[in-house]
């Protein structure tokens, strides 16, 4: 199953992290933007080119130490169809360089509409008798609050085309508790959603104990993270909130099992904008990102010590 590929890469790299590729033009070094805008008259063409060049530089320097990237679709959609082309090209470039790709789209719908989302981001679409991949991600973040109607179409694709999903369970944003912490009987909404992930996951089991149905659980709520690791033992976690949002290595430690598996920790701005924080030459942005990725790896591995496949 798809999540097995991610687990194997994490173990091989001894690095349970993912680099979020959520670029804004403000994050891109001036020399990259100047080159892009000198080549294109249309500002959307130029912006999309700048983002692509920026992303490729990051992928080139991270591909041997970070097992996965997570492009957030919104940061590409804001630059029109040109930005979406950059998203597709970024995904293709990352996969060509051996990286696992989690598309952060948080898609949510039912029936044929969800099937269309699944085909777009993970699967293929039939065109004149040929199956064509539009974006070709390995995994997609989804919103499960429409229930099984919105998840079942994805489970079929997970099984048949070796893909994975991460369902929103306990998100890292400050207001998440307004809904997710509310109780239905004796259980919170996020507990029930985690239970549903466990149930859905029985339809797409993996060889290392984790299914292809993962969960998004934020680093900013460490106690709930630890609680959910126990209550959802077969659900692999995508953990946002490390770094720029305030989460640290001790906060995410509870996401891991006795083998150092169970989660992949995301950092976006912390890696992409490391050159700004370090105050180094902007042409050193990719190496600054590498240094931050290695620092993050060391920080988390200090807590979990070793990653072993069972």
Foldseek 3Di string as FASTA:
>chain_A
DLVVLVLVLCQVLVFQAAEELQDDPVLQDPVLLVVLCVVDVDPLLSRLSSSLVLLLLQLVLCLNRHQAYEYEVVSQPVSPVSSVVSQLVSLVSNVVSRHAYEYEDQAWDFDPVLLVVCQAQDNFDADPNDTHHHRHHQEYEYECVVDPRNCVSNLVCCAPVVHAYAYEQAAQDPCSCVQQQDDDPPDGNSLVVLVSLLVSQVSAADPQQAGRYAYEHELNQQVVLLVSCVSNVRHAYEYECDDPNDGFLVSNLSQADLQRGRYHYYDYCCLSNQCVVVVHDSVCSSVSSSVSSVVRRVRNCVRNVHHDRD
